[in-house]
C-alpha atoms as a PDB file:
ATOM      1  CA  MET A   1     -13.431  21.561 -22.282  1.00  0.00           C
ATOM      2  CA  THR A   2     -12.054  21.391 -18.304  1.00  0.00           C
ATOM      3  CA  ASP A   3     -14.836  18.772 -16.151  1.00  0.00           C
ATOM      4  CA  THR A   4     -15.303  20.876 -13.067  1.00  0.00           C
ATOM      5  CA  ARG A   5     -16.925  18.553 -10.760  1.00  0.00           C
ATOM      6  CA  SER A   6     -14.712  17.496  -7.594  1.00  0.00           C
ATOM      7  CA  ALA A   7     -13.316  13.980  -8.401  1.00  0.00           C
ATOM      8  CA  GLU A   8     -15.021  12.316  -5.268  1.00  0.00           C
ATOM      9  CA  VAL A   9     -11.898  11.077  -3.925  1.00  0.00           C
ATOM     10  CA  PRO A  10     -12.594   9.931  -0.437  1.00  0.00           C
ATOM     11  CA  THR A  11     -10.857  11.572   2.587  1.00  0.00           C
ATOM     12  CA  LEU A  12      -9.303   9.663   5.507  1.00  0.00           C
ATOM     13  CA  SER A  13      -7.768  10.088   8.304  1.00  0.00           C
ATOM     14  CA  LEU A  14      -4.200   8.771   8.885  1.00  0.00           C
ATOM     15  CA  ALA A  15      -5.456   8.718  12.375  1.00  0.00           C
ATOM     16  CA  ASP A  16      -8.301   5.482  12.077  1.00  0.00           C
ATOM     17  CA  GLN A  17      -4.451   4.162  11.219  1.00  0.00           C
ATOM     18  CA  ASP A  18      -4.029   3.232  14.733  1.00  0.00           C
ATOM     19  CA  ARG A  19      -7.488   2.077  15.659  1.00  0.00           C
ATOM     20  CA  ASP A  20      -8.112   0.032  13.419  1.00  0.00           C
ATOM     21  CA  PRO A  21      -5.353  -0.955  11.052  1.00  0.00           C
ATOM     22  CA  HIS A  22      -7.317  -3.128   8.798  1.00  0.00           C
ATOM     23  CA  ALA A  23     -10.353  -1.252   7.937  1.00  0.00           C
ATOM     24  CA  PHE A  24      -7.595   2.030   7.166  1.00  0.00           C
ATOM     25  CA  ALA A  25      -5.639  -0.333   4.748  1.00  0.00           C
ATOM     26  CA  THR A  26      -8.997  -1.465   3.093  1.00  0.00           C
ATOM     27  CA  ALA A  27     -10.395   1.949   2.696  1.00  0.00           C
ATOM     28  CA  LEU A  28      -6.981   3.648   1.586  1.00  0.00           C
ATOM     29  CA  GLY A  29      -6.100   0.494  -0.760  1.00  0.00           C
ATOM     30  CA  GLY A  30      -9.783   0.782  -2.264  1.00  0.00           C
ATOM     31  CA  SER A  31      -9.159   4.427  -3.097  1.00  0.00           C
ATOM     32  CA  PHE A  32      -6.145   3.748  -4.717  1.00  0.00           C
ATOM     33  CA  GLU A  33      -7.738   1.026  -6.911  1.00  0.00           C
ATOM     34  CA  ARG A  34     -10.966   3.151  -7.849  1.00  0.00           C
ATOM     35  CA  PHE A  35      -8.268   6.880  -8.763  1.00  0.00           C
ATOM     36  CA  GLY A  36      -5.210   6.400  -8.058  1.00  0.00           C
ATOM     37  CA  PHE A  37      -5.688   8.809  -5.490  1.00  0.00           C
ATOM     38  CA  ALA A  38      -6.712   9.037  -1.639  1.00  0.00           C
ATOM     39  CA  ILE A  39      -7.004  12.256   0.287  1.00  0.00           C
ATOM     40  CA  VAL A  40      -4.894  11.566   4.249  1.00  0.00           C
ATOM     41  CA  ALA A  41      -5.699  14.182   6.982  1.00  0.00           C
ATOM     42  CA  ASP A  42      -4.527  14.058  10.051  1.00  0.00           C
ATOM     43  CA  HIS A  43      -0.908  13.096   8.430  1.00  0.00           C
ATOM     44  CA  GLY A  44       1.395  13.329  10.572  1.00  0.00           C
ATOM     45  CA  VAL A  45       3.345  16.920   9.356  1.00  0.00           C
ATOM     46  CA  PRO A  46       3.131  19.517  11.679  1.00  0.00           C
ATOM     47  CA  GLY A  47       1.135  22.609  10.735  1.00  0.00           C
ATOM     48  CA  GLU A  48       4.200  25.090  11.761  1.00  0.00           C
ATOM     49  CA  LEU A  49       6.600  23.380   9.662  1.00  0.00           C
ATOM     50  CA  ILE A  50       3.938  23.209   6.878  1.00  0.00           C
ATOM     51  CA  ASP A  51       3.614  27.349   7.472  1.00  0.00           C
ATOM     52  CA  ARG A  52       7.190  27.987   7.658  1.00  0.00           C
ATOM     53  CA  ALA A  53       7.663  25.888   4.949  1.00  0.00           C
ATOM     54  CA  TRP A  54       5.417  27.632   2.506  1.00  0.00           C
ATOM     55  CA  ALA A  55       7.097  30.616   3.414  1.00  0.00           C
ATOM     56  CA  GLN A  56      10.957  29.947   2.667  1.00  0.00           C
ATOM     57  CA  THR A  57      10.091  28.493  -0.339  1.00  0.00           C
ATOM     58  CA  LYS A  58       8.092  31.479  -1.189  1.00  0.00           C
ATOM     59  CA  ALA A  59      11.356  33.315  -0.325  1.00  0.00           C
ATOM     60  CA  LEU A  60      13.040  30.707  -2.589  1.00  0.00           C
ATOM     61  CA  PHE A  61      11.185  31.546  -5.182  1.00  0.00           C
ATOM     62  CA  ASP A  62      11.261  35.796  -4.786  1.00  0.00           C
ATOM     63  CA  LEU A  63      15.708  35.707  -4.945  1.00  0.00           C
ATOM     64  CA  PRO A  64      16.919  37.073  -7.984  1.00  0.00           C
ATOM     65  CA  GLU A  65      16.934  34.856 -11.070  1.00  0.00           C
ATOM     66  CA  GLU A  66      20.435  35.090 -11.320  1.00  0.00           C
ATOM     67  CA  GLU A  67      21.081  34.646  -8.182  1.00  0.00           C
ATOM     68  CA  LYS A  68      18.483  30.730  -8.583  1.00  0.00           C
ATOM     69  CA  ARG A  69      20.059  30.035 -11.407  1.00  0.00           C
ATOM     70  CA  GLY A  70      23.836  29.770  -9.684  1.00  0.00           C
ATOM     71  CA  TYR A  71      22.473  26.360  -8.108  1.00  0.00           C
ATOM     72  CA  HIS A  72      21.084  25.162 -10.916  1.00  0.00           C
ATOM     73  CA  VAL A  73      23.425  21.614 -12.077  1.00  0.00           C
ATOM     74  CA  PRO A  74      23.743  21.483 -16.315  1.00  0.00           C
ATOM     75  CA  GLY A  75      23.606  17.578 -16.989  1.00  0.00           C
ATOM     76  CA  GLY A  76      22.467  16.821 -13.376  1.00  0.00           C
ATOM     77  CA  GLY A  77      19.471  15.804 -14.339  1.00  0.00           C
ATOM     78  CA  GLY A  78      17.484  18.679 -11.451  1.00  0.00           C
ATOM     79  CA  ALA A  79      17.849  15.245  -8.910  1.00  0.00           C
ATOM     80  CA  ARG A  80      19.383  18.292  -6.211  1.00  0.00           C
ATOM     81  CA  GLY A  81      18.827  22.170  -6.500  1.00  0.00           C
ATOM     82  CA  TYR A  82      17.146  24.216  -8.561  1.00  0.00           C
ATOM     83  CA  THR A  83      15.125  23.412 -12.096  1.00  0.00           C
ATOM     84  CA  PRO A  84      14.555  27.142 -13.686  1.00  0.00           C
ATOM     85  CA  PHE A  85      11.874  27.740 -15.617  1.00  0.00           C
ATOM     86  CA  LYS A  86       9.805  26.092 -18.884  1.00  0.00           C
ATOM     87  CA  THR A  87      12.813  22.522 -18.721  1.00  0.00           C
ATOM     88  CA  GLU A  88       9.906  19.626 -18.159  1.00  0.00           C
ATOM     89  CA  ILE A  89       7.788  18.422 -20.328  1.00  0.00           C
ATOM     90  CA  ALA A  90       5.409  16.121 -19.462  1.00  0.00           C
ATOM     91  CA  LYS A  91       6.104  12.278 -21.951  1.00  0.00           C
ATOM     92  CA  ASP A  92       4.983  12.585 -25.191  1.00  0.00           C
ATOM     93  CA  ALA A  93       3.848  16.774 -25.095  1.00  0.00           C
ATOM     94  CA  LYS A  94       4.826  19.423 -27.374  1.00  0.00           C
ATOM     95  CA  VAL A  95       5.294  22.337 -25.167  1.00  0.00           C
ATOM     96  CA  VAL A  96       7.490  22.510 -21.681  1.00  0.00           C
ATOM     97  CA  ASP A  97       5.329  22.815 -18.343  1.00  0.00           C
ATOM     98  CA  LEU A  98       5.182  26.540 -17.006  1.00  0.00           C
ATOM     99  CA  LYS A  99       6.758  25.800 -13.534  1.00  0.00           C
ATOM    100  CA  GLU A 100      10.107  26.146 -12.198  1.00  0.00           C
ATOM    101  CA  PHE A 101      11.014  24.009  -8.677  1.00  0.00           C
ATOM    102  CA  TRP A 102      14.220  22.508  -6.240  1.00  0.00           C
ATOM    103  CA  HIS A 103      14.782  19.256  -5.090  1.00  0.00           C
ATOM    104  CA  VAL A 104      15.307  18.346  -1.903  1.00  0.00           C
ATOM    105  CA  GLY A 105      16.929  14.868  -1.136  1.00  0.00           C
ATOM    106  CA  ARG A 106      17.476  12.401   1.632  1.00  0.00           C
ATOM    107  CA  GLU A 107      20.710  13.013   3.241  1.00  0.00           C
ATOM    108  CA  LEU A 108      23.372  10.229   3.455  1.00  0.00           C
ATOM    109  CA  PRO A 109      26.471   9.560   5.832  1.00  0.00           C
ATOM    110  CA  GLU A 110      30.023  10.108   4.254  1.00  0.00           C
ATOM    111  CA  GLY A 111      30.288   7.209   2.295  1.00  0.00           C
ATOM    112  CA  HIS A 112      27.219   4.940   1.564  1.00  0.00           C
ATOM    113  CA  ALA A 113      26.943   2.787  -0.927  1.00  0.00           C
ATOM    114  CA  TYR A 114      24.623   4.909  -2.665  1.00  0.00           C
ATOM    115  CA  ALA A 115      26.098   8.390  -3.089  1.00  0.00           C
ATOM    116  CA  ASP A 116      27.037   7.322  -6.253  1.00  0.00           C
ATOM    117  CA  ARG A 117      23.554   7.440  -7.324  1.00  0.00           C
ATOM    118  CA  MET A 118      22.429   9.845  -4.729  1.00  0.00           C
ATOM    119  CA  PRO A 119      23.447  13.313  -5.261  1.00  0.00           C
ATOM    120  CA  ALA A 120      24.217  15.291  -2.214  1.00  0.00           C
ATOM    121  CA  ASN A 121      22.586  18.455  -1.292  1.00  0.00           C
ATOM    122  CA  ILE A 122      22.687  21.755  -2.628  1.00  0.00           C
ATOM    123  CA  TRP A 123      21.108  24.417  -0.034  1.00  0.00           C
ATOM    124  CA  PRO A 124      21.039  28.051  -0.892  1.00  0.00           C
ATOM    125  CA  GLU A 125      22.799  31.023   1.170  1.00  0.00           C
ATOM    126  CA  ARG A 126      19.602  32.804   1.729  1.00  0.00           C
ATOM    127  CA  PRO A 127      16.918  32.556   3.060  1.00  0.00           C
ATOM    128  CA  GLU A 128      17.956  32.157   6.424  1.00  0.00           C
ATOM    129  CA  GLY A 129      17.301  28.320   7.958  1.00  0.00           C
ATOM    130  CA  PHE A 130      15.670  26.947   4.700  1.00  0.00           C
ATOM    131  CA  ARG A 131      18.512  23.987   5.151  1.00  0.00           C
ATOM    132  CA  ASP A 132      16.945  22.583   8.565  1.00  0.00           C
ATOM    133  CA  ASP A 133      12.701  23.718   7.931  1.00  0.00           C
ATOM    134  CA  PHE A 134      13.834  21.526   4.953  1.00  0.00           C
ATOM    135  CA  LEU A 135      15.305  18.798   6.730  1.00  0.00           C
ATOM    136  CA  GLU A 136      12.986  18.421   9.496  1.00  0.00           C
ATOM    137  CA  LEU A 137      10.105  18.692   6.858  1.00  0.00           C
ATOM    138  CA  PHE A 138      12.133  15.476   4.532  1.00  0.00           C
ATOM    139  CA  ALA A 139      11.822  13.888   7.671  1.00  0.00           C
ATOM    140  CA  ALA A 140       8.174  14.005   8.839  1.00  0.00           C
ATOM    141  CA  PHE A 141       6.937  13.454   4.887  1.00  0.00           C
ATOM    142  CA  ASP A 142       8.703  10.495   5.659  1.00  0.00           C
ATOM    143  CA  ARG A 143       7.528   8.951   8.542  1.00  0.00           C
ATOM    144  CA  ALA A 144       3.925   9.600   6.890  1.00  0.00           C
ATOM    145  CA  GLY A 145       4.665   7.567   3.571  1.00  0.00           C
ATOM    146  CA  ASP A 146       6.068   4.858   5.506  1.00  0.00           C
ATOM    147  CA  ARG A 147       3.115   4.254   7.607  1.00  0.00           C
ATOM    148  CA  LEU A 148       0.417   5.098   3.816  1.00  0.00           C
ATOM    149  CA  LEU A 149       3.313   2.371   2.311  1.00  0.00           C
ATOM    150  CA  SER A 150       1.973   0.128   6.090  1.00  0.00           C
ATOM    151  CA  ALA A 151      -1.351  -0.083   5.584  1.00  0.00           C
ATOM    152  CA  ILE A 152      -0.421  -1.055   1.099  1.00  0.00           C
ATOM    153  CA  ALA A 153       1.241  -3.579   2.102  1.00  0.00           C
ATOM    154  CA  ARG A 154      -1.247  -5.001   4.308  1.00  0.00           C
ATOM    155  CA  HIS A 155      -4.015  -4.198   1.160  1.00  0.00           C
ATOM    156  CA  LEU A 156      -1.507  -6.605  -1.147  1.00  0.00           C
ATOM    157  CA  LYS A 157      -2.290  -9.193   2.369  1.00  0.00           C
ATOM    158  CA  LEU A 158       1.619  -8.392   2.653  1.00  0.00           C
ATOM    159  CA  ASP A 159       3.313  -7.839   6.164  1.00  0.00           C
ATOM    160  CA  PRO A 160       3.038  -4.366   7.233  1.00  0.00           C
ATOM    161  CA  HIS A 161       6.532  -3.701   7.116  1.00  0.00           C
ATOM    162  CA  TRP A 162       7.104  -5.582   3.891  1.00  0.00           C
ATOM    163  CA  PHE A 163       8.016  -1.857   2.400  1.00  0.00           C
ATOM    164  CA  ASP A 164      10.065  -0.459   5.446  1.00  0.00           C
ATOM    165  CA  PRO A 165      13.709  -2.544   3.593  1.00  0.00           C
ATOM    166  CA  ALA A 166      12.379  -1.384   0.217  1.00  0.00           C
ATOM    167  CA  VAL A 167      12.446   2.127   1.200  1.00  0.00           C
ATOM    168  CA  LYS A 168      15.387   2.246   4.088  1.00  0.00           C
ATOM    169  CA  ASP A 169      17.526   4.692   2.410  1.00  0.00           C
ATOM    170  CA  GLY A 170      15.015   5.289  -0.118  1.00  0.00           C
ATOM    171  CA  ASN A 171      16.228   7.671  -2.716  1.00  0.00           C
ATOM    172  CA  SER A 172      13.568   9.733  -2.355  1.00  0.00           C
ATOM    173  CA  VAL A 173      12.362  13.886  -3.472  1.00  0.00           C
ATOM    174  CA  LEU A 174      10.817  16.779  -1.757  1.00  0.00           C
ATOM    175  CA  ARG A 175      10.012  19.178  -4.637  1.00  0.00           C
ATOM    176  CA  LEU A 176       9.489  22.904  -3.701  1.00  0.00           C
ATOM    177  CA  LEU A 177       7.038  23.885  -6.758  1.00  0.00           C
ATOM    178  CA  HIS A 178       5.953  27.354  -8.272  1.00  0.00           C
ATOM    179  CA  TYR A 179       4.231  27.767 -10.943  1.00  0.00           C
ATOM    180  CA  PRO A 180       4.225  32.313 -11.869  1.00  0.00           C
ATOM    181  CA  PRO A 181       2.050  34.299 -12.750  1.00  0.00           C
ATOM    182  CA  ILE A 182       0.898  33.220 -16.661  1.00  0.00           C
ATOM    183  CA  PRO A 183      -0.635  35.008 -19.316  1.00  0.00           C
ATOM    184  CA  ALA A 184      -3.985  34.989 -20.599  1.00  0.00           C
ATOM    185  CA  ASP A 185      -2.385  33.781 -23.633  1.00  0.00           C
ATOM    186  CA  ALA A 186       0.283  31.201 -22.826  1.00  0.00           C
ATOM    187  CA  GLU A 187       1.286  28.014 -24.159  1.00  0.00           C
ATOM    188  CA  GLY A 188       1.321  24.849 -22.990  1.00  0.00           C
ATOM    189  CA  VAL A 189      -0.156  24.179 -18.978  1.00  0.00           C
ATOM    190  CA  ARG A 190       1.374  24.017 -15.656  1.00  0.00           C
ATOM    191  CA  ALA A 191       1.324  20.829 -15.400  1.00  0.00           C
ATOM    192  CA  GLY A 192       1.007  18.536 -18.679  1.00  0.00           C
ATOM    193  CA  ALA A 193      -0.517  14.885 -18.506  1.00  0.00           C
ATOM    194  CA  HIS A 194       1.902  12.645 -16.670  1.00  0.00           C
ATOM    195  CA  GLU A 195       1.877   9.783 -14.796  1.00  0.00           C
ATOM    196  CA  ASP A 196       4.079   9.574 -11.611  1.00  0.00           C
ATOM    197  CA  ILE A 197       7.351   7.776 -11.704  1.00  0.00           C
ATOM    198  CA  ASN A 198       7.515   7.257  -8.023  1.00  0.00           C
ATOM    199  CA  LEU A 199       6.119   4.276  -5.868  1.00  0.00           C
ATOM    200  CA  ILE A 200       4.139   7.112  -4.061  1.00  0.00           C
ATOM    201  CA  THR A 201       3.796  10.595  -4.409  1.00  0.00           C
ATOM    202  CA  LEU A 202       2.391  12.744  -1.058  1.00  0.00           C
ATOM    203  CA  LEU A 203       1.072  16.602  -1.764  1.00  0.00           C
ATOM    204  CA  LEU A 204       1.107  19.632  -0.110  1.00  0.00           C
ATOM    205  CA  GLY A 205      -0.588  22.599  -1.378  1.00  0.00           C
ATOM    206  CA  ALA A 206      -3.581  20.588  -3.860  1.00  0.00           C
ATOM    207  CA  GLU A 207      -6.044  23.266  -1.760  1.00  0.00           C
ATOM    208  CA  GLU A 208      -5.611  26.085  -4.453  1.00  0.00           C
ATOM    209  CA  ALA A 209      -7.512  24.803  -7.436  1.00  0.00           C
ATOM    210  CA  GLY A 210      -5.843  23.144 -10.747  1.00  0.00           C
ATOM    211  CA  LEU A 211      -4.840  19.397 -10.040  1.00  0.00           C
ATOM    212  CA  GLU A 212      -7.074  17.495 -12.093  1.00  0.00           C
ATOM    213  CA  LEU A 213      -6.961  13.192 -12.568  1.00  0.00           C
ATOM    214  CA  LEU A 214      -8.740  11.728 -15.568  1.00  0.00           C
ATOM    215  CA  ASP A 215     -10.752   9.214 -14.742  1.00  0.00           C
ATOM    216  CA  ARG A 216     -10.639   5.692 -15.884  1.00  0.00           C
ATOM    217  CA  ASP A 217     -14.284   4.742 -15.294  1.00  0.00           C
ATOM    218  CA  SER A 218     -15.833   8.340 -17.020  1.00  0.00           C
ATOM    219  CA  GLY A 219     -12.807   9.184 -19.788  1.00  0.00           C
ATOM    220  CA  GLU A 220     -12.950  12.563 -17.432  1.00  0.00           C
ATOM    221  CA  TRP A 221     -11.032  15.276 -15.964  1.00  0.00           C
ATOM    222  CA  LEU A 222     -11.705  15.398 -12.713  1.00  0.00           C
ATOM    223  CA  ALA A 223     -11.099  18.336 -10.006  1.00  0.00           C
ATOM    224  CA  ILE A 224      -9.369  17.165  -6.271  1.00  0.00           C
ATOM    225  CA  ARG A 225     -10.331  20.107  -4.374  1.00  0.00           C
ATOM    226  CA  PRO A 226      -8.994  18.647  -0.602  1.00  0.00           C
ATOM    227  CA  PRO A 227      -9.414  19.945   2.955  1.00  0.00           C
ATOM    228  CA  GLU A 228      -7.413  22.580   4.589  1.00  0.00           C
ATOM    229  CA  GLY A 229      -3.903  20.499   5.007  1.00  0.00           C
ATOM    230  CA  ALA A 230      -5.261  17.378   4.155  1.00  0.00           C
ATOM    231  CA  MET A 231      -2.990  15.933   1.687  1.00  0.00           C
ATOM    232  CA  VAL A 232      -3.653  14.281  -1.293  1.00  0.00           C
ATOM    233  CA  VAL A 233      -1.035  10.794  -1.759  1.00  0.00           C
ATOM    234  CA  ASN A 234      -1.478   9.004  -5.272  1.00  0.00           C
ATOM    235  CA  VAL A 235       0.003   5.810  -6.491  1.00  0.00           C
ATOM    236  CA  GLY A 236       3.629   6.137  -8.857  1.00  0.00           C
ATOM    237  CA  ASP A 237       4.049   3.643 -12.047  1.00  0.00           C
ATOM    238  CA  MET A 238       7.029   2.445  -9.696  1.00  0.00           C
ATOM    239  CA  LEU A 239       3.944   1.151  -6.997  1.00  0.00           C
ATOM    240  CA  GLN A 240       1.457   0.222 -10.972  1.00  0.00           C
ATOM    241  CA  ARG A 241       4.328  -1.690 -11.774  1.00  0.00           C
ATOM    242  CA  LEU A 242       5.044  -3.650  -9.059  1.00  0.00           C
ATOM    243  CA  THR A 243       1.682  -4.559  -8.414  1.00  0.00           C
ATOM    244  CA  ASN A 244       0.840  -5.191 -11.967  1.00  0.00           C
ATOM    245  CA  HIS A 245      -1.670  -2.606 -12.088  1.00  0.00           C
ATOM    246  CA  VAL A 246      -3.934  -3.748  -9.281  1.00  0.00           C
ATOM    247  CA  LEU A 247      -3.140  -0.400  -7.762  1.00  0.00           C
ATOM    248  CA  PRO A 248      -2.831   2.061 -10.757  1.00  0.00           C
ATOM    249  CA  SER A 249      -0.767   4.819 -11.587  1.00  0.00           C
ATOM    250  CA  THR A 250      -3.251   7.749 -12.413  1.00  0.00           C
ATOM    251  CA  THR A 251      -2.344  10.245 -15.539  1.00  0.00           C
ATOM    252  CA  HIS A 252      -3.013  13.793 -13.519  1.00  0.00           C
ATOM    253  CA  ARG A 253      -2.534  16.852 -15.131  1.00  0.00           C
ATOM    254  CA  VAL A 254      -2.074  20.991 -13.243  1.00  0.00           C
ATOM    255  CA  VAL A 255      -4.170  22.660 -15.462  1.00  0.00           C
ATOM    256  CA  ASN A 256      -3.436  26.873 -16.372  1.00  0.00           C
ATOM    257  CA  PRO A 257      -6.534  29.201 -13.254  1.00  0.00           C
ATOM    258  CA  PRO A 258      -9.399  31.087 -14.923  1.00  0.00           C
ATOM    259  CA  VAL A 259      -8.006  34.706 -16.172  1.00  0.00           C
ATOM    260  CA  GLU A 260      -8.775  35.932 -13.318  1.00  0.00           C
ATOM    261  CA  ARG A 261      -6.064  33.563 -10.624  1.00  0.00           C
ATOM    262  CA  ARG A 262      -3.507  34.295 -14.025  1.00  0.00           C
ATOM    263  CA  GLY A 263      -2.037  36.469 -12.093  1.00  0.00           C
ATOM    264  CA  PHE A 264      -0.486  34.616  -9.413  1.00  0.00           C
ATOM    265  CA  SER A 265       1.764  32.089  -8.425  1.00  0.00           C
ATOM    266  CA  ARG A 266       0.657  28.581  -7.848  1.00  0.00           C
ATOM    267  CA  TYR A 267       2.741  26.639  -5.000  1.00  0.00           C
ATOM    268  CA  SER A 268       3.102  23.246  -3.844  1.00  0.00           C
ATOM    269  CA  MET A 269       5.247  20.665  -2.096  1.00  0.00           C
ATOM    270  CA  PRO A 270       5.211  16.806  -4.166  1.00  0.00           C
ATOM    271  CA  PHE A 271       6.938  14.564  -2.189  1.00  0.00           C
ATOM    272  CA  PHE A 272       8.144  11.419  -4.468  1.00  0.00           C
ATOM    273  CA  LEU A 273       8.567   8.849  -2.144  1.00  0.00           C
ATOM    274  CA  HIS A 274      11.120   6.640  -3.796  1.00  0.00           C
ATOM    275  CA  PRO A 275      12.676   3.178  -3.120  1.00  0.00           C
ATOM    276  CA  ALA A 276      16.364   2.203  -2.623  1.00  0.00           C
ATOM    277  CA  PRO A 277      18.972   2.864  -6.261  1.00  0.00           C
ATOM    278  CA  ASP A 278      19.357  -1.311  -6.030  1.00  0.00           C
ATOM    279  CA  PHE A 279      15.505  -1.999  -5.239  1.00  0.00           C
ATOM    280  CA  LEU A 280      14.579  -4.959  -7.558  1.00  0.00           C
ATOM    281  CA  ILE A 281      11.215  -3.688  -9.152  1.00  0.00           C
ATOM    282  CA  GLU A 282       9.621  -7.555 -10.113  1.00  0.00           C
ATOM    283  CA  THR A 283       6.121  -8.213  -9.833  1.00  0.00           C
ATOM    284  CA  LEU A 284       4.468  -9.083  -6.271  1.00  0.00           C
ATOM    285  CA  PRO A 285       3.095 -13.148  -6.994  1.00  0.00           C
ATOM    286  CA  GLY A 286      -0.234 -11.736  -5.346  1.00  0.00           C
ATOM    287  CA  THR A 287      -0.846  -9.848  -7.706  1.00  0.00           C
ATOM    288  CA  VAL A 288      -0.964 -12.056 -10.448  1.00  0.00           C
ATOM    289  CA  SER A 289      -3.942 -13.850 -11.437  1.00  0.00           C
ATOM    290  CA  ALA A 290      -5.067 -15.456 -14.833  1.00  0.00           C
ATOM    291  CA  GLU A 291      -7.277 -12.703 -15.045  1.00  0.00           C
ATOM    292  CA  ASN A 292      -4.161 -10.326 -14.551  1.00  0.00           C
ATOM    293  CA  PRO A 293      -1.201 -12.247 -16.134  1.00  0.00           C
ATOM    294  CA  ASN A 294       2.754 -10.410 -15.295  1.00  0.00           C
ATOM    295  CA  ARG A 295       3.138  -7.801 -17.311  1.00  0.00           C
ATOM    296  CA  TYR A 296       6.770  -7.171 -17.108  1.00  0.00           C
ATOM    297  CA  PRO A 297       8.289 -10.414 -16.422  1.00  0.00           C
ATOM    298  CA  THR A 298      11.726  -9.048 -16.156  1.00  0.00           C
ATOM    299  CA  PRO A 299      12.965  -7.130 -13.313  1.00  0.00           C
ATOM    300  CA  ILE A 300      14.406  -3.714 -13.167  1.00  0.00           C
ATOM    301  CA  THR A 301      15.933  -1.622 -10.159  1.00  0.00           C
ATOM    302  CA  ALA A 302      15.103   1.006  -8.860  1.00  0.00           C
ATOM    303  CA  HIS A 303      17.832   3.223 -10.440  1.00  0.00           C
ATOM    304  CA  ASP A 304      17.363   1.968 -13.904  1.00  0.00           C
ATOM    305  CA  TYR A 305      13.953   2.471 -14.240  1.00  0.00           C
ATOM    306  CA  LEU A 306      13.936   5.924 -12.993  1.00  0.00           C
ATOM    307  CA  TYR A 307      16.792   7.312 -15.124  1.00  0.00           C
ATOM    308  CA  GLU A 308      14.837   5.636 -18.517  1.00  0.00           C
ATOM    309  CA  ARG A 309      12.220   8.460 -16.777  1.00  0.00           C
ATOM    310  CA  LEU A 310      13.676  10.968 -16.539  1.00  0.00           C
ATOM    311  CA  VAL A 311      15.220  10.705 -20.103  1.00  0.00           C
ATOM    312  CA  GLU A 312      11.734  10.455 -21.668  1.00  0.00           C
ATOM    313  CA  ILE A 313      10.389  14.308 -19.746  1.00  0.00           C
ATOM    314  CA  GLY A 314      14.108  16.288 -20.451  1.00  0.00           C
ATOM    315  CA  LEU A 315      15.215  16.144 -17.737  1.00  0.00           C
ATOM    316  CA  ILE A 316      18.606  13.983 -18.331  1.00  0.00           C
ATOM    317  CA  LYS A 317      19.364  14.064 -21.675  1.00  0.00           C
ATOM    318  CA  LYS A 318      21.137  11.183 -23.187  1.00  0.00           C
END
């Protein structure tokens, strides 16, 4: 039975960071330690840009199936361009997710050192203006992510700029998600229970019901219902590993809507904030103690960790 109560994840204002960086960092870190999630209003991504992005996203997924599939790269791990409906599967799940998506990555200058591990973007011929709008949105998410990482660093008693070199030219991905209408007897759910791979995820579009987190304290699924325009932010597995589980990556899912809403599409835009491919995920000394011994004595690069996880969720076939 799905628990339909709203999780008491606090709504924070990123504007408070300017007034009192320490207090904001404490509030954000506290929400992450308790839930692995936070809700962030006043995030600085312009509403007019978000509106344009929603219109572009709907227009993209309304394109004919054959046209969309022309932007799919077989064997590309879904890194860029289009990934068709029923491709991705949650780790250890038995059925695939009921979704299709498009990935926009970072634009790198020609000859960049990461070009061999961060593929070039794929841009559709239509809708018009797609490339410009999503490069602008990517940059806005990047800025918001940098501010949140600064607060996380403060919470961990690190220099506020500790993450700056880690995420410079990072392998972040903006995912445009479409969950099409589904029949009442659909097998599977829109997104099976999973944890994210990256450092943090910044999500727009969670106002439409469906997103739930697994509360570690009660063992119940709790609905997340952010205020209009607010961003849902959650810890990913890379940050969990880096912090030795002080900041936990929480299991979450997107459940199917009630029968009366199954004829409607659901759209969302998560920004998966990744470090650079050669960033070494090595347990922070300040998170290791007698009560919390180091779970990960062997470091791993962000690139190798990402590859392992993409194999697990079926986007890369070994």
